[in-house]
Amino acid sequence: MTDHVRTAIAGDEPAFAELTQQHRRELHVHCYRMLASYDEAEDAVQETFLRAWRSRDSFDGSTMFRAWLYRIATNVCIDLMRSRSRRLTTMRTFAEVPWLQPYPDQMLDEIAPSEDEPDAVVVERETIELAFLAAMQVLPPRQRAALIARDVLGWPASETATLLESSVAATNSALQRARATMSEHLPAARSEWSAGTPSEEERDLLARFIDAHERFDAPAAIAISAENLRITMPPHPYLFEGIDTIGPLLDGALREGEWRLLATWANRMPTAASYLRKPGDTEFRAFKFDVLRIEHGKIAEITTFGPELFGAFGLPTPILEDRPPRG
């Protein structure tokens, strides 16, 4: 146990706060993976730090302080999931996961190995994309935690067992069941969707998506979309499939007013933040996020979220008109 940790555990509140804050972002992402909700992850991290402070005398130095915090955070998430009794038994589309929220890429980039956090793990797309998070919601809480610890964080079986306060055999069994369930709910061609880092193709399609919307050009938006395009809108149960169904809806949506879109990234996926100025209004107001999944050079899926997290993404709300209308 280092002197810094010893001082914090002894009851030095500023030292304890400084120590826990070093792990805030990775704990937030951990809770987000468990819960699939940015807002609930915020609450879980706050509860984690509160429980850690209240139970600091229980930290005996036999594990790393970081691992101790992860154990507390995991238990907080498990308690939260059980209290809300909302685990899915199956999941076909994001419309069945109403609590799903996006996560800002710039916050994911804050997690990287450093001198202060050498054990931090870079957040890869396959462990944070929406499909992975939604599939995770089918798992029971302890299986979910075992999968994250072993397959995402790369922890050995012994540390994962300590995290779950269980035996290595029971933990390995939970992991095997979790892997089997995930393989049933993740798309078979998931590895072909797109690269782990933003590609030029993705950047180009995002730019074309933005351009089409700002010019009210529904045919241009349709041209970059797959024939079997799917749109969902958590927390709403809406599901739209097929370009023949979506085309007329898109055309009507583009005529609601003037649109301005900003490019951003959520869950390592290209994302457009949309602002709408309705007739008679003077400002472009935050309206929605569109998170795009690219497959074979086309937009295969759009997951639309409300504007509640614009602030977390560092986006302005509202925005001022700083260029002539397009069209």
C-alpha atoms as a PDB file:
ATOM      1  CA  MET A   1       0.000   0.000   0.000  1.00  0.00           C
ATOM      2  CA  THR A   2       1.488   3.347  -1.024  1.00  0.00           C
ATOM      3  CA  ASP A   3       1.712   6.306   1.346  1.00  0.00           C
ATOM      4  CA  HIS A   4      -0.906   8.147  -0.752  1.00  0.00           C
ATOM      5  CA  VAL A   5      -3.379   5.280  -0.416  1.00  0.00           C
ATOM      6  CA  ARG A   6      -2.590   4.854   3.274  1.00  0.00           C
ATOM      7  CA  THR A   7      -3.275   8.543   3.897  1.00  0.00           C
ATOM      8  CA  ALA A   8      -6.561   8.393   1.988  1.00  0.00           C
ATOM      9  CA  ILE A   9      -7.747   5.258   3.780  1.00  0.00           C
ATOM     10  CA  ALA A  10      -6.819   6.799   7.138  1.00  0.00           C
ATOM     11  CA  GLY A  11      -9.561   9.380   6.586  1.00  0.00           C
ATOM     12  CA  ASP A  12      -7.931  12.260   4.728  1.00  0.00           C
ATOM     13  CA  GLU A  13     -10.951  13.281   2.672  1.00  0.00           C
ATOM     14  CA  PRO A  14      -9.100  15.469   0.107  1.00  0.00           C
ATOM     15  CA  ALA A  15      -6.534  12.698  -0.448  1.00  0.00           C
ATOM     16  CA  PHE A  16      -9.320  10.127  -0.812  1.00  0.00           C
ATOM     17  CA  ALA A  17     -11.185  12.319  -3.308  1.00  0.00           C
ATOM     18  CA  GLU A  18      -8.028  12.860  -5.338  1.00  0.00           C
ATOM     19  CA  LEU A  19      -7.318   9.133  -5.385  1.00  0.00           C
ATOM     20  CA  THR A  20     -10.802   8.114  -6.470  1.00  0.00           C
ATOM     21  CA  GLN A  21     -11.041  10.847  -9.112  1.00  0.00           C
ATOM     22  CA  GLN A  22      -8.052   9.330 -10.905  1.00  0.00           C
ATOM     23  CA  HIS A  23     -10.283   6.364 -11.732  1.00  0.00           C
ATOM     24  CA  ARG A  24     -13.539   8.227 -12.398  1.00  0.00           C
ATOM     25  CA  ARG A  25     -13.607   7.957 -16.174  1.00  0.00           C
ATOM     26  CA  GLU A  26     -12.760   4.261 -16.431  1.00  0.00           C
ATOM     27  CA  LEU A  27     -15.238   3.470 -13.663  1.00  0.00           C
ATOM     28  CA  HIS A  28     -17.859   5.505 -15.505  1.00  0.00           C
ATOM     29  CA  VAL A  29     -17.266   3.490 -18.672  1.00  0.00           C
ATOM     30  CA  HIS A  30     -17.380   0.266 -16.654  1.00  0.00           C
ATOM     31  CA  CYS A  31     -20.748   1.230 -15.177  1.00  0.00           C
ATOM     32  CA  TYR A  32     -21.942   2.337 -18.608  1.00  0.00           C
ATOM     33  CA  ARG A  33     -21.098  -1.081 -20.052  1.00  0.00           C
ATOM     34  CA  MET A  34     -23.008  -2.719 -17.218  1.00  0.00           C
ATOM     35  CA  LEU A  35     -26.049  -0.444 -17.465  1.00  0.00           C
ATOM     36  CA  ALA A  36     -26.037   0.859 -21.093  1.00  0.00           C
ATOM     37  CA  SER A  37     -27.087   4.269 -19.771  1.00  0.00           C
ATOM     38  CA  TYR A  38     -24.823   7.320 -19.504  1.00  0.00           C
ATOM     39  CA  ASP A  39     -27.026   8.965 -16.871  1.00  0.00           C
ATOM     40  CA  GLU A  40     -27.298   5.842 -14.728  1.00  0.00           C
ATOM     41  CA  ALA A  41     -23.536   5.356 -14.976  1.00  0.00           C
ATOM     42  CA  GLU A  42     -23.123   8.863 -13.526  1.00  0.00           C
ATOM     43  CA  ASP A  43     -25.332   7.916 -10.568  1.00  0.00           C
ATOM     44  CA  ALA A  44     -23.511   4.604 -10.136  1.00  0.00           C
ATOM     45  CA  VAL A  45     -20.089   6.256  -9.971  1.00  0.00           C
ATOM     46  CA  GLN A  46     -21.299   8.722  -7.356  1.00  0.00           C
ATOM     47  CA  GLU A  47     -22.709   5.860  -5.291  1.00  0.00           C
ATOM     48  CA  THR A  48     -19.452   3.939  -5.762  1.00  0.00           C
ATOM     49  CA  PHE A  49     -17.375   6.763  -4.314  1.00  0.00           C
ATOM     50  CA  LEU A  50     -19.820   7.193  -1.438  1.00  0.00           C
ATOM     51  CA  ARG A  51     -19.692   3.502  -0.574  1.00  0.00           C
ATOM     52  CA  ALA A  52     -15.921   3.471  -0.924  1.00  0.00           C
ATOM     53  CA  TRP A  53     -15.555   6.345   1.538  1.00  0.00           C
ATOM     54  CA  ARG A  54     -17.924   4.762   4.039  1.00  0.00           C
ATOM     55  CA  SER A  55     -16.199   1.365   3.836  1.00  0.00           C
ATOM     56  CA  ARG A  56     -12.602   2.588   3.482  1.00  0.00           C
ATOM     57  CA  ASP A  57     -11.612   0.752   6.660  1.00  0.00           C
ATOM     58  CA  SER A  58     -12.311  -2.526   4.830  1.00  0.00           C
ATOM     59  CA  PHE A  59      -9.503  -1.881   2.340  1.00  0.00           C
ATOM     60  CA  ASP A  60      -6.557  -3.847   3.712  1.00  0.00           C
ATOM     61  CA  GLY A  61      -4.139  -3.465   0.829  1.00  0.00           C
ATOM     62  CA  SER A  62      -4.396  -7.117  -0.243  1.00  0.00           C
ATOM     63  CA  THR A  63      -5.668  -5.928  -3.662  1.00  0.00           C
ATOM     64  CA  MET A  64      -4.960  -2.874  -5.752  1.00  0.00           C
ATOM     65  CA  PHE A  65      -7.027   0.187  -4.854  1.00  0.00           C
ATOM     66  CA  ARG A  66      -8.290   0.285  -8.454  1.00  0.00           C
ATOM     67  CA  ALA A  67      -9.534  -3.317  -8.246  1.00  0.00           C
ATOM     68  CA  TRP A  68     -11.230  -2.524  -4.940  1.00  0.00           C
ATOM     69  CA  LEU A  69     -13.111   0.364  -6.569  1.00  0.00           C
ATOM     70  CA  TYR A  70     -14.114  -1.858  -9.491  1.00  0.00           C
ATOM     71  CA  ARG A  71     -15.582  -4.387  -7.061  1.00  0.00           C
ATOM     72  CA  ILE A  72     -17.632  -1.697  -5.362  1.00  0.00           C
ATOM     73  CA  ALA A  73     -18.769  -0.229  -8.694  1.00  0.00           C
ATOM     74  CA  THR A  74     -19.772  -3.672  -9.957  1.00  0.00           C
ATOM     75  CA  ASN A  75     -21.850  -4.316  -6.851  1.00  0.00           C
ATOM     76  CA  VAL A  76     -23.500  -0.915  -7.202  1.00  0.00           C
ATOM     77  CA  CYS A  77     -24.483  -1.764 -10.783  1.00  0.00           C
ATOM     78  CA  ILE A  78     -25.724  -5.230  -9.821  1.00  0.00           C
ATOM     79  CA  ASP A  79     -27.828  -3.736  -7.032  1.00  0.00           C
ATOM     80  CA  LEU A  80     -29.233  -1.164  -9.442  1.00  0.00           C
ATOM     81  CA  MET A  81     -30.110  -3.775 -12.087  1.00  0.00           C
ATOM     82  CA  ARG A  82     -31.805  -6.012  -9.557  1.00  0.00           C
ATOM     83  CA  SER A  83     -33.789  -3.141  -8.058  1.00  0.00           C
ATOM     84  CA  ARG A  84     -35.156  -2.221 -11.490  1.00  0.00           C
ATOM     85  CA  SER A  85     -35.822  -5.786 -12.615  1.00  0.00           C
ATOM     86  CA  ARG A  86     -35.474  -4.981 -16.274  1.00  0.00           C
ATOM     87  CA  ARG A  87     -33.152  -7.622 -17.746  1.00  0.00           C
ATOM     88  CA  LEU A  88     -34.162  -8.718 -21.211  1.00  0.00           C
ATOM     89  CA  THR A  89     -34.607 -12.388 -22.060  1.00  0.00           C
ATOM     90  CA  THR A  90     -34.056 -11.740 -25.748  1.00  0.00           C
ATOM     91  CA  MET A  91     -33.124  -8.768 -27.911  1.00  0.00           C
ATOM     92  CA  ARG A  92     -33.665  -8.309 -31.624  1.00  0.00           C
ATOM     93  CA  THR A  93     -33.391  -4.523 -32.008  1.00  0.00           C
ATOM     94  CA  PHE A  94     -32.439  -1.496 -29.945  1.00  0.00           C
ATOM     95  CA  ALA A  95     -36.152  -0.648 -29.722  1.00  0.00           C
ATOM     96  CA  GLU A  96     -36.283  -3.268 -26.965  1.00  0.00           C
ATOM     97  CA  VAL A  97     -33.665  -1.423 -24.871  1.00  0.00           C
ATOM     98  CA  PRO A  98     -35.379   1.863 -23.952  1.00  0.00           C
ATOM     99  CA  TRP A  99     -32.698   2.823 -21.418  1.00  0.00           C
ATOM    100  CA  LEU A 100     -29.901   2.693 -24.042  1.00  0.00           C
ATOM    101  CA  GLN A 101     -27.960   5.975 -24.391  1.00  0.00           C
ATOM    102  CA  PRO A 102     -24.922   7.051 -26.451  1.00  0.00           C
ATOM    103  CA  TYR A 103     -21.447   7.711 -24.994  1.00  0.00           C
ATOM    104  CA  PRO A 104     -19.167  10.565 -26.171  1.00  0.00           C
ATOM    105  CA  ASP A 105     -15.970   9.433 -27.871  1.00  0.00           C
ATOM    106  CA  GLN A 106     -13.947  12.296 -26.406  1.00  0.00           C
ATOM    107  CA  MET A 107     -14.609  10.836 -22.954  1.00  0.00           C
ATOM    108  CA  LEU A 108     -13.603   7.360 -24.111  1.00  0.00           C
ATOM    109  CA  ASP A 109     -10.322   8.848 -25.279  1.00  0.00           C
ATOM    110  CA  GLU A 110      -9.601   9.976 -21.709  1.00  0.00           C
ATOM    111  CA  ILE A 111      -9.001   6.325 -20.811  1.00  0.00           C
ATOM    112  CA  ALA A 112      -5.519   5.232 -21.808  1.00  0.00           C
ATOM    113  CA  PRO A 113      -2.552   3.710 -19.997  1.00  0.00           C
ATOM    114  CA  SER A 114      -0.420   6.337 -18.264  1.00  0.00           C
ATOM    115  CA  GLU A 115       2.047   6.608 -15.421  1.00  0.00           C
ATOM    116  CA  ASP A 116      -0.841   7.191 -13.024  1.00  0.00           C
ATOM    117  CA  GLU A 117      -3.049   4.448 -14.504  1.00  0.00           C
ATOM    118  CA  PRO A 118      -0.808   1.843 -16.183  1.00  0.00           C
ATOM    119  CA  ASP A 119      -3.585  -0.784 -16.002  1.00  0.00           C
ATOM    120  CA  ALA A 120      -6.163   1.313 -17.850  1.00  0.00           C
ATOM    121  CA  VAL A 121      -7.427  -0.303 -21.043  1.00  0.00           C
ATOM    122  CA  VAL A 122      -7.949   1.597 -24.279  1.00  0.00           C
ATOM    123  CA  VAL A 123     -11.652   1.493 -25.203  1.00  0.00           C
ATOM    124  CA  GLU A 124     -11.999  -0.434 -28.451  1.00  0.00           C
ATOM    125  CA  ARG A 125     -15.047  -0.172 -30.678  1.00  0.00           C
ATOM    126  CA  GLU A 126     -16.124  -3.788 -30.313  1.00  0.00           C
ATOM    127  CA  THR A 127     -16.465  -3.374 -26.524  1.00  0.00           C
ATOM    128  CA  ILE A 128     -18.463  -0.139 -26.565  1.00  0.00           C
ATOM    129  CA  GLU A 129     -20.553  -0.085 -29.754  1.00  0.00           C
ATOM    130  CA  LEU A 130     -24.311  -0.079 -29.370  1.00  0.00           C
ATOM    131  CA  ALA A 131     -24.777  -3.662 -30.589  1.00  0.00           C
ATOM    132  CA  PHE A 132     -22.433  -4.950 -27.862  1.00  0.00           C
ATOM    133  CA  LEU A 133     -24.121  -2.919 -25.129  1.00  0.00           C
ATOM    134  CA  ALA A 134     -27.621  -3.950 -26.192  1.00  0.00           C
ATOM    135  CA  ALA A 135     -26.662  -7.630 -26.318  1.00  0.00           C
ATOM    136  CA  MET A 136     -25.148  -7.314 -22.832  1.00  0.00           C
ATOM    137  CA  GLN A 137     -28.574  -6.389 -21.471  1.00  0.00           C
ATOM    138  CA  VAL A 138     -29.719  -9.971 -22.027  1.00  0.00           C
ATOM    139  CA  LEU A 139     -27.146 -11.279 -19.545  1.00  0.00           C
ATOM    140  CA  PRO A 140     -27.863 -11.716 -15.828  1.00  0.00           C
ATOM    141  CA  PRO A 141     -25.893  -9.199 -13.733  1.00  0.00           C
ATOM    142  CA  ARG A 142     -23.086 -11.515 -12.588  1.00  0.00           C
ATOM    143  CA  GLN A 143     -22.549 -12.964 -16.051  1.00  0.00           C
ATOM    144  CA  ARG A 144     -22.383  -9.437 -17.400  1.00  0.00           C
ATOM    145  CA  ALA A 145     -19.748  -8.499 -14.841  1.00  0.00           C
ATOM    146  CA  ALA A 146     -17.715 -11.662 -15.526  1.00  0.00           C
ATOM    147  CA  LEU A 147     -17.712 -11.012 -19.271  1.00  0.00           C
ATOM    148  CA  ILE A 148     -16.569  -7.412 -18.857  1.00  0.00           C
ATOM    149  CA  ALA A 149     -13.806  -8.309 -16.411  1.00  0.00           C
ATOM    150  CA  ARG A 150     -12.409 -11.197 -18.458  1.00  0.00           C
ATOM    151  CA  ASP A 151     -13.060 -10.294 -22.098  1.00  0.00           C
ATOM    152  CA  VAL A 152     -13.035  -6.479 -21.947  1.00  0.00           C
ATOM    153  CA  LEU A 153     -10.681  -5.559 -19.124  1.00  0.00           C
ATOM    154  CA  GLY A 154      -8.520  -8.644 -19.559  1.00  0.00           C
ATOM    155  CA  TRP A 155      -8.487  -9.605 -15.889  1.00  0.00           C
ATOM    156  CA  PRO A 156      -7.335 -13.128 -14.941  1.00  0.00           C
ATOM    157  CA  ALA A 157      -9.832 -15.602 -13.534  1.00  0.00           C
ATOM    158  CA  SER A 158      -8.573 -15.167  -9.961  1.00  0.00           C
ATOM    159  CA  GLU A 159      -9.067 -11.391  -9.961  1.00  0.00           C
ATOM    160  CA  THR A 160     -12.462 -11.753 -11.612  1.00  0.00           C
ATOM    161  CA  ALA A 161     -13.497 -14.203  -8.907  1.00  0.00           C
ATOM    162  CA  THR A 162     -12.430 -11.684  -6.271  1.00  0.00           C
ATOM    163  CA  LEU A 163     -14.384  -8.981  -8.081  1.00  0.00           C
ATOM    164  CA  LEU A 164     -17.525 -11.123  -7.955  1.00  0.00           C
ATOM    165  CA  GLU A 165     -16.752 -12.480  -4.473  1.00  0.00           C
ATOM    166  CA  SER A 166     -17.037 -15.972  -5.891  1.00  0.00           C
ATOM    167  CA  SER A 167     -14.905 -19.005  -6.709  1.00  0.00           C
ATOM    168  CA  VAL A 168     -12.807 -19.300  -9.858  1.00  0.00           C
ATOM    169  CA  ALA A 169     -14.901 -22.286 -10.981  1.00  0.00           C
ATOM    170  CA  ALA A 170     -18.189 -20.400 -10.555  1.00  0.00           C
ATOM    171  CA  THR A 171     -16.753 -17.359 -12.294  1.00  0.00           C
ATOM    172  CA  ASN A 172     -15.526 -19.397 -15.258  1.00  0.00           C
ATOM    173  CA  SER A 173     -18.932 -21.037 -15.526  1.00  0.00           C
ATOM    174  CA  ALA A 174     -20.633 -17.622 -15.572  1.00  0.00           C
ATOM    175  CA  LEU A 175     -18.204 -16.453 -18.249  1.00  0.00           C
ATOM    176  CA  GLN A 176     -18.886 -19.470 -20.482  1.00  0.00           C
ATOM    177  CA  ARG A 177     -22.640 -18.938 -20.246  1.00  0.00           C
ATOM    178  CA  ALA A 178     -22.209 -15.227 -20.960  1.00  0.00           C
ATOM    179  CA  ARG A 179     -20.094 -15.876 -24.050  1.00  0.00           C
ATOM    180  CA  ALA A 180     -22.657 -18.359 -25.382  1.00  0.00           C
ATOM    181  CA  THR A 181     -25.512 -15.900 -24.907  1.00  0.00           C
ATOM    182  CA  MET A 182     -23.590 -13.052 -26.505  1.00  0.00           C
ATOM    183  CA  SER A 183     -22.798 -15.164 -29.562  1.00  0.00           C
ATOM    184  CA  GLU A 184     -26.535 -15.719 -29.996  1.00  0.00           C
ATOM    185  CA  HIS A 185     -27.377 -12.022 -29.845  1.00  0.00           C
ATOM    186  CA  LEU A 186     -24.498 -10.375 -31.684  1.00  0.00           C
ATOM    187  CA  PRO A 187     -24.814 -10.289 -35.486  1.00  0.00           C
ATOM    188  CA  ALA A 188     -22.772 -12.993 -37.213  1.00  0.00           C
ATOM    189  CA  ALA A 189     -21.226 -10.484 -39.636  1.00  0.00           C
ATOM    190  CA  ARG A 190     -20.360  -7.988 -36.914  1.00  0.00           C
ATOM    191  CA  SER A 191     -16.630  -8.226 -37.642  1.00  0.00           C
ATOM    192  CA  GLU A 192     -17.308  -7.013 -41.184  1.00  0.00           C
ATOM    193  CA  TRP A 193     -19.185  -3.889 -40.178  1.00  0.00           C
ATOM    194  CA  SER A 194     -16.285  -1.465 -40.007  1.00  0.00           C
ATOM    195  CA  ALA A 195     -12.761  -1.013 -38.720  1.00  0.00           C
ATOM    196  CA  GLY A 196     -11.939  -0.358 -35.097  1.00  0.00           C
ATOM    197  CA  THR A 197     -10.935   3.244 -35.820  1.00  0.00           C
ATOM    198  CA  PRO A 198     -12.777   5.861 -37.902  1.00  0.00           C
ATOM    199  CA  SER A 199     -12.192   5.253 -41.587  1.00  0.00           C
ATOM    200  CA  GLU A 200     -12.224   7.699 -44.478  1.00  0.00           C
ATOM    201  CA  GLU A 201     -15.312   5.929 -45.774  1.00  0.00           C
ATOM    202  CA  GLU A 202     -17.127   6.572 -42.510  1.00  0.00           C
ATOM    203  CA  ARG A 203     -16.073  10.212 -42.441  1.00  0.00           C
ATOM    204  CA  ASP A 204     -17.210  10.643 -46.030  1.00  0.00           C
ATOM    205  CA  LEU A 205     -20.609   9.024 -45.440  1.00  0.00           C
ATOM    206  CA  LEU A 206     -21.130  11.131 -42.325  1.00  0.00           C
ATOM    207  CA  ALA A 207     -20.326  14.295 -44.307  1.00  0.00           C
ATOM    208  CA  ARG A 208     -22.727  13.251 -47.075  1.00  0.00           C
ATOM    209  CA  PHE A 209     -25.422  12.441 -44.505  1.00  0.00           C
ATOM    210  CA  ILE A 210     -25.038  15.921 -43.012  1.00  0.00           C
ATOM    211  CA  ASP A 211     -25.007  17.602 -46.409  1.00  0.00           C
ATOM    212  CA  ALA A 212     -28.183  15.806 -47.551  1.00  0.00           C
ATOM    213  CA  HIS A 213     -30.072  16.805 -44.422  1.00  0.00           C
ATOM    214  CA  GLU A 214     -29.033  20.444 -44.530  1.00  0.00           C
ATOM    215  CA  ARG A 215     -30.093  20.665 -48.196  1.00  0.00           C
ATOM    216  CA  PHE A 216     -33.439  18.912 -47.531  1.00  0.00           C
ATOM    217  CA  ASP A 217     -32.319  16.337 -50.096  1.00  0.00           C
ATOM    218  CA  ALA A 218     -34.113  13.089 -49.260  1.00  0.00           C
ATOM    219  CA  PRO A 219     -32.973  11.319 -52.487  1.00  0.00           C
ATOM    220  CA  ALA A 220     -29.332  12.030 -51.578  1.00  0.00           C
ATOM    221  CA  ALA A 221     -29.879  10.629 -48.073  1.00  0.00           C
ATOM    222  CA  ILE A 222     -31.534   7.542 -49.522  1.00  0.00           C
ATOM    223  CA  ALA A 223     -28.684   7.067 -52.014  1.00  0.00           C
ATOM    224  CA  ILE A 224     -26.158   6.491 -49.223  1.00  0.00           C
ATOM    225  CA  SER A 225     -28.445   4.125 -47.302  1.00  0.00           C
ATOM    226  CA  ALA A 226     -28.737   0.355 -47.555  1.00  0.00           C
ATOM    227  CA  GLU A 227     -31.934  -1.156 -48.952  1.00  0.00           C
ATOM    228  CA  ASN A 228     -32.580  -2.840 -45.612  1.00  0.00           C
ATOM    229  CA  LEU A 229     -31.852   0.299 -43.556  1.00  0.00           C
ATOM    230  CA  ARG A 230     -33.091   0.063 -39.981  1.00  0.00           C
ATOM    231  CA  ILE A 231     -33.965   2.983 -37.697  1.00  0.00           C
ATOM    232  CA  THR A 232     -34.698   2.787 -33.973  1.00  0.00           C
ATOM    233  CA  MET A 233     -35.273   5.617 -31.501  1.00  0.00           C
ATOM    234  CA  PRO A 234     -34.625   4.652 -27.845  1.00  0.00           C
ATOM    235  CA  PRO A 235     -36.377   5.166 -25.480  1.00  0.00           C
ATOM    236  CA  HIS A 236     -39.313   4.975 -27.894  1.00  0.00           C
ATOM    237  CA  PRO A 237     -40.346   1.505 -29.145  1.00  0.00           C
ATOM    238  CA  TYR A 238     -40.320   2.623 -32.779  1.00  0.00           C
ATOM    239  CA  LEU A 239     -38.773   0.361 -35.393  1.00  0.00           C
ATOM    240  CA  PHE A 240     -38.594   1.267 -39.087  1.00  0.00           C
ATOM    241  CA  GLU A 241     -37.087  -1.128 -41.606  1.00  0.00           C
ATOM    242  CA  GLY A 242     -36.485  -0.938 -45.345  1.00  0.00           C
ATOM    243  CA  ILE A 243     -35.790   2.070 -47.521  1.00  0.00           C
ATOM    244  CA  ASP A 244     -39.270   1.899 -49.074  1.00  0.00           C
ATOM    245  CA  THR A 245     -40.796   2.491 -45.642  1.00  0.00           C
ATOM    246  CA  ILE A 246     -38.232   4.978 -44.396  1.00  0.00           C
ATOM    247  CA  GLY A 247     -37.927   7.116 -47.555  1.00  0.00           C
ATOM    248  CA  PRO A 248     -41.308   8.903 -47.267  1.00  0.00           C
ATOM    249  CA  LEU A 249     -40.807   9.411 -43.519  1.00  0.00           C
ATOM    250  CA  LEU A 250     -37.388  10.957 -44.134  1.00  0.00           C
ATOM    251  CA  ASP A 251     -38.760  13.310 -46.744  1.00  0.00           C
ATOM    252  CA  GLY A 252     -41.399  14.536 -44.313  1.00  0.00           C
ATOM    253  CA  ALA A 253     -38.913  14.964 -41.463  1.00  0.00           C
ATOM    254  CA  LEU A 254     -36.577  17.091 -43.575  1.00  0.00           C
ATOM    255  CA  ARG A 255     -39.425  19.514 -44.251  1.00  0.00           C
ATOM    256  CA  GLU A 256     -40.136  20.251 -40.579  1.00  0.00           C
ATOM    257  CA  GLY A 257     -37.893  23.329 -40.756  1.00  0.00           C
ATOM    258  CA  GLU A 258     -34.253  24.264 -41.360  1.00  0.00           C
ATOM    259  CA  TRP A 259     -31.593  21.821 -40.217  1.00  0.00           C
ATOM    260  CA  ARG A 260     -28.005  22.291 -39.106  1.00  0.00           C
ATOM    261  CA  LEU A 261     -25.922  19.245 -38.259  1.00  0.00           C
ATOM    262  CA  LEU A 262     -22.573  18.857 -36.518  1.00  0.00           C
ATOM    263  CA  ALA A 263     -20.310  15.838 -36.928  1.00  0.00           C
ATOM    264  CA  THR A 264     -19.329  13.999 -33.753  1.00  0.00           C
ATOM    265  CA  TRP A 265     -18.612  10.427 -32.626  1.00  0.00           C
ATOM    266  CA  ALA A 266     -20.437   8.232 -30.139  1.00  0.00           C
ATOM    267  CA  ASN A 267     -19.499   4.703 -29.072  1.00  0.00           C
ATOM    268  CA  ARG A 268     -16.691   4.810 -31.679  1.00  0.00           C
ATOM    269  CA  MET A 269     -19.336   5.300 -34.377  1.00  0.00           C
ATOM    270  CA  PRO A 270     -19.972   8.248 -36.739  1.00  0.00           C
ATOM    271  CA  THR A 271     -22.698  10.470 -35.342  1.00  0.00           C
ATOM    272  CA  ALA A 272     -24.604  13.556 -36.468  1.00  0.00           C
ATOM    273  CA  ALA A 273     -25.925  16.018 -33.903  1.00  0.00           C
ATOM    274  CA  SER A 274     -28.973  17.732 -35.396  1.00  0.00           C
ATOM    275  CA  TYR A 275     -30.390  21.171 -34.691  1.00  0.00           C
ATOM    276  CA  LEU A 276     -33.795  22.259 -35.970  1.00  0.00           C
ATOM    277  CA  ARG A 277     -35.107  25.777 -36.556  1.00  0.00           C
ATOM    278  CA  LYS A 278     -38.831  25.497 -36.971  1.00  0.00           C
ATOM    279  CA  PRO A 279     -40.810  28.091 -38.934  1.00  0.00           C
ATOM    280  CA  GLY A 280     -41.125  31.254 -36.874  1.00  0.00           C
ATOM    281  CA  ASP A 281     -38.268  30.366 -34.526  1.00  0.00           C
ATOM    282  CA  THR A 282     -35.048  32.387 -34.347  1.00  0.00           C
ATOM    283  CA  GLU A 283     -32.648  29.682 -33.156  1.00  0.00           C
ATOM    284  CA  PHE A 284     -31.461  26.255 -34.182  1.00  0.00           C
ATOM    285  CA  ARG A 285     -32.371  24.137 -31.176  1.00  0.00           C
ATOM    286  CA  ALA A 286     -30.795  20.826 -30.158  1.00  0.00           C
ATOM    287  CA  PHE A 287     -33.030  18.119 -31.568  1.00  0.00           C
ATOM    288  CA  LYS A 288     -31.393  14.669 -31.842  1.00  0.00           C
ATOM    289  CA  PHE A 289     -28.374  12.438 -32.344  1.00  0.00           C
ATOM    290  CA  ASP A 290     -28.170  10.002 -35.246  1.00  0.00           C
ATOM    291  CA  VAL A 291     -25.589   7.268 -34.596  1.00  0.00           C
ATOM    292  CA  LEU A 292     -24.697   5.567 -37.876  1.00  0.00           C
ATOM    293  CA  ARG A 293     -23.615   2.002 -38.490  1.00  0.00           C
ATOM    294  CA  ILE A 294     -21.786   1.615 -41.783  1.00  0.00           C
ATOM    295  CA  GLU A 295     -21.735  -1.659 -43.662  1.00  0.00           C
ATOM    296  CA  HIS A 296     -20.401  -2.297 -47.181  1.00  0.00           C
ATOM    297  CA  GLY A 297     -20.163   1.419 -47.955  1.00  0.00           C
ATOM    298  CA  LYS A 298     -23.756   2.204 -46.982  1.00  0.00           C
ATOM    299  CA  ILE A 299     -25.581   3.379 -43.873  1.00  0.00           C
ATOM    300  CA  ALA A 300     -27.110   0.141 -42.615  1.00  0.00           C
ATOM    301  CA  GLU A 301     -28.559   1.363 -39.327  1.00  0.00           C
ATOM    302  CA  ILE A 302     -29.424   4.653 -37.657  1.00  0.00           C
ATOM    303  CA  THR A 303     -30.017   4.831 -33.919  1.00  0.00           C
ATOM    304  CA  THR A 304     -31.672   8.106 -33.015  1.00  0.00           C
ATOM    305  CA  PHE A 305     -31.452   9.581 -29.522  1.00  0.00           C
ATOM    306  CA  GLY A 306     -32.906  12.754 -28.041  1.00  0.00           C
ATOM    307  CA  PRO A 307     -30.830  15.875 -27.280  1.00  0.00           C
ATOM    308  CA  GLU A 308     -30.454  15.301 -23.539  1.00  0.00           C
ATOM    309  CA  LEU A 309     -26.730  14.492 -23.740  1.00  0.00           C
ATOM    310  CA  PHE A 310     -25.639  17.364 -26.019  1.00  0.00           C
ATOM    311  CA  GLY A 311     -23.885  18.928 -23.030  1.00  0.00           C
ATOM    312  CA  ALA A 312     -21.972  15.735 -22.248  1.00  0.00           C
ATOM    313  CA  PHE A 313     -20.760  15.710 -25.859  1.00  0.00           C
ATOM    314  CA  GLY A 314     -19.543  19.298 -25.518  1.00  0.00           C
ATOM    315  CA  LEU A 315     -22.027  20.487 -28.126  1.00  0.00           C
ATOM    316  CA  PRO A 316     -23.567  23.966 -28.120  1.00  0.00           C
ATOM    317  CA  THR A 317     -27.278  24.377 -27.548  1.00  0.00           C
ATOM    318  CA  PRO A 318     -28.728  26.219 -29.268  1.00  0.00           C
ATOM    319  CA  ILE A 319     -26.510  27.279 -32.186  1.00  0.00           C
ATOM    320  CA  LEU A 320     -26.534  30.550 -34.031  1.00  0.00           C
ATOM    321  CA  GLU A 321     -26.890  30.875 -37.783  1.00  0.00           C
ATOM    322  CA  ASP A 322     -23.407  31.585 -39.078  1.00  0.00           C
ATOM    323  CA  ARG A 323     -23.773  30.670 -42.723  1.00  0.00           C
ATOM    324  CA  PRO A 324     -26.385  31.220 -45.446  1.00  0.00           C
ATOM    325  CA  PRO A 325     -29.176  28.673 -45.742  1.00  0.00           C
ATOM    326  CA  ARG A 326     -28.390  25.757 -48.015  1.00  0.00           C
ATOM    327  CA  GLY A 327     -30.573  24.413 -50.717  1.00  0.00           C
END
